């Protein structure tokens, strides 16, 4: 049971990570980011990225590394949650 839940958390984390990566790549082509899919993806990803963008300034004024830090934070949170579940279940 706990491994099913942990696998599900890992799957959700992977999917959300890919959503962030796709959203960042879409920012290079504004016409794609302004499409329906781009706007929908933005509504799902921007609330997670916004706190990181507040604290991490762009490098040289234009290179935004906050999505990279956000991906690391997401992965660490996933590992932490999985570790807690393993300890609770077993």
C-alpha atoms as a PDB file:
ATOM      1  CA  UNK A   1       0.000   0.000   0.000  1.00  0.00           C
ATOM      2  CA  UNK A   2       2.683   2.511   0.971  1.00  0.00           C
ATOM      3  CA  UNK A   3       4.750   1.725  -2.114  1.00  0.00           C
ATOM      4  CA  UNK A   4       1.725   2.415  -4.323  1.00  0.00           C
ATOM      5  CA  UNK A   5       1.334   5.809  -2.661  1.00  0.00           C
ATOM      6  CA  UNK A   6       5.042   6.534  -2.959  1.00  0.00           C
ATOM      7  CA  UNK A   7       4.984   5.531  -6.636  1.00  0.00           C
ATOM      8  CA  UNK A   8       1.999   7.814  -7.169  1.00  0.00           C
ATOM      9  CA  UNK A   9       3.816  10.728  -5.505  1.00  0.00           C
ATOM     10  CA  UNK A  10       6.882  10.060  -7.667  1.00  0.00           C
ATOM     11  CA  UNK A  11       4.698   9.995 -10.785  1.00  0.00           C
ATOM     12  CA  UNK A  12       3.009  13.291  -9.894  1.00  0.00           C
ATOM     13  CA  UNK A  13       6.381  14.878  -9.160  1.00  0.00           C
ATOM     14  CA  UNK A  14       7.747  13.713 -12.504  1.00  0.00           C
ATOM     15  CA  UNK A  15       4.722  14.997 -14.413  1.00  0.00           C
ATOM     16  CA  UNK A  16       4.870  18.378 -12.654  1.00  0.00           C
ATOM     17  CA  UNK A  17       8.619  18.599 -13.321  1.00  0.00           C
ATOM     18  CA  UNK A  18       8.002  18.052 -17.027  1.00  0.00           C
ATOM     19  CA  UNK A  19       5.276  20.701 -16.944  1.00  0.00           C
ATOM     20  CA  UNK A  20       7.770  23.199 -15.483  1.00  0.00           C
ATOM     21  CA  UNK A  21      10.399  22.313 -18.095  1.00  0.00           C
ATOM     22  CA  UNK A  22       7.897  22.637 -20.956  1.00  0.00           C
ATOM     23  CA  UNK A  23       6.658  25.964 -19.583  1.00  0.00           C
ATOM     24  CA  UNK A  24      10.216  27.313 -19.381  1.00  0.00           C
ATOM     25  CA  UNK A  25      10.971  26.170 -22.926  1.00  0.00           C
ATOM     26  CA  UNK A  26       7.720  27.752 -24.115  1.00  0.00           C
ATOM     27  CA  UNK A  27       8.891  31.103 -22.732  1.00  0.00           C
ATOM     28  CA  UNK A  28      11.444  31.247 -25.560  1.00  0.00           C
ATOM     29  CA  UNK A  29       8.578  31.415 -28.088  1.00  0.00           C
ATOM     30  CA  UNK A  30       6.015  33.977 -26.878  1.00  0.00           C
ATOM     31  CA  UNK A  31       3.371  32.984 -29.450  1.00  0.00           C
ATOM     32  CA  UNK A  32       3.286  29.449 -28.040  1.00  0.00           C
ATOM     33  CA  UNK A  33       3.171  30.682 -24.459  1.00  0.00           C
ATOM     34  CA  UNK A  34       0.175  32.881 -25.310  1.00  0.00           C
ATOM     35  CA  UNK A  35      -1.764  29.936 -26.774  1.00  0.00           C
ATOM     36  CA  UNK A  36      -4.474  28.112 -24.841  1.00  0.00           C
ATOM     37  CA  UNK A  37      -2.102  25.354 -23.738  1.00  0.00           C
ATOM     38  CA  UNK A  38       0.569  27.873 -22.745  1.00  0.00           C
ATOM     39  CA  UNK A  39      -1.869  29.858 -20.645  1.00  0.00           C
ATOM     40  CA  UNK A  40      -3.263  26.703 -19.023  1.00  0.00           C
ATOM     41  CA  UNK A  41       0.235  25.488 -18.229  1.00  0.00           C
ATOM     42  CA  UNK A  42       1.093  28.909 -16.833  1.00  0.00           C
ATOM     43  CA  UNK A  43      -1.885  28.788 -14.470  1.00  0.00           C
ATOM     44  CA  UNK A  44      -0.660  25.463 -13.112  1.00  0.00           C
ATOM     45  CA  UNK A  45       3.073  26.246 -12.909  1.00  0.00           C
ATOM     46  CA  UNK A  46       3.345  29.963 -12.094  1.00  0.00           C
ATOM     47  CA  UNK A  47       1.952  29.698  -8.521  1.00  0.00           C
ATOM     48  CA  UNK A  48       4.817  27.315  -7.705  1.00  0.00           C
ATOM     49  CA  UNK A  49       7.498  29.342  -9.505  1.00  0.00           C
ATOM     50  CA  UNK A  50       6.492  32.781  -8.187  1.00  0.00           C
ATOM     51  CA  UNK A  51       8.000  32.448  -4.674  1.00  0.00           C
ATOM     52  CA  UNK A  52      11.306  31.314  -6.163  1.00  0.00           C
ATOM     53  CA  UNK A  53      11.332  34.241  -8.598  1.00  0.00           C
ATOM     54  CA  UNK A  54      10.835  36.675  -5.718  1.00  0.00           C
ATOM     55  CA  UNK A  55      14.001  35.552  -3.941  1.00  0.00           C
ATOM     56  CA  UNK A  56      16.287  34.578  -6.824  1.00  0.00           C
ATOM     57  CA  UNK A  57      17.178  37.465  -9.132  1.00  0.00           C
ATOM     58  CA  UNK A  58      17.984  36.802 -12.786  1.00  0.00           C
ATOM     59  CA  UNK A  59      21.669  36.369 -13.569  1.00  0.00           C
ATOM     60  CA  UNK A  60      23.077  39.210 -15.700  1.00  0.00           C
ATOM     61  CA  UNK A  61      19.590  40.667 -15.849  1.00  0.00           C
ATOM     62  CA  UNK A  62      18.087  38.055 -18.161  1.00  0.00           C
ATOM     63  CA  UNK A  63      18.902  34.445 -17.210  1.00  0.00           C
ATOM     64  CA  UNK A  64      16.281  33.152 -14.800  1.00  0.00           C
ATOM     65  CA  UNK A  65      17.568  30.205 -12.763  1.00  0.00           C
ATOM     66  CA  UNK A  66      14.577  30.098 -10.409  1.00  0.00           C
ATOM     67  CA  UNK A  67      12.925  27.192 -12.302  1.00  0.00           C
ATOM     68  CA  UNK A  68      16.053  25.101 -11.720  1.00  0.00           C
ATOM     69  CA  UNK A  69      15.940  25.837  -7.999  1.00  0.00           C
ATOM     70  CA  UNK A  70      12.191  25.125  -8.021  1.00  0.00           C
ATOM     71  CA  UNK A  71      12.782  21.735  -9.648  1.00  0.00           C
ATOM     72  CA  UNK A  72      15.360  20.852  -6.981  1.00  0.00           C
ATOM     73  CA  UNK A  73      12.947  21.953  -4.240  1.00  0.00           C
ATOM     74  CA  UNK A  74      10.146  19.884  -5.772  1.00  0.00           C
ATOM     75  CA  UNK A  75      12.377  16.816  -5.947  1.00  0.00           C
ATOM     76  CA  UNK A  76      13.589  17.249  -2.356  1.00  0.00           C
ATOM     77  CA  UNK A  77      10.008  17.691  -1.142  1.00  0.00           C
ATOM     78  CA  UNK A  78       9.014  14.525  -2.961  1.00  0.00           C
ATOM     79  CA  UNK A  79      11.895  12.578  -1.416  1.00  0.00           C
ATOM     80  CA  UNK A  80      11.087  13.981   2.016  1.00  0.00           C
ATOM     81  CA  UNK A  81       7.417  13.090   1.761  1.00  0.00           C
ATOM     82  CA  UNK A  82       8.265   9.596   0.541  1.00  0.00           C
ATOM     83  CA  UNK A  83      10.699   9.139   3.431  1.00  0.00           C
ATOM     84  CA  UNK A  84       8.075  10.237   5.957  1.00  0.00           C
ATOM     85  CA  UNK A  85       5.522   7.858   4.462  1.00  0.00           C
ATOM     86  CA  UNK A  86       7.971   4.960   4.555  1.00  0.00           C
ATOM     87  CA  UNK A  87       8.668   5.599   8.242  1.00  0.00           C
ATOM     88  CA  UNK A  88       4.973   5.931   9.074  1.00  0.00           C
ATOM     89  CA  UNK A  89       3.912   2.829   7.160  1.00  0.00           C
ATOM     90  CA  UNK A  90       6.609   0.550   7.991  1.00  0.00           C
END
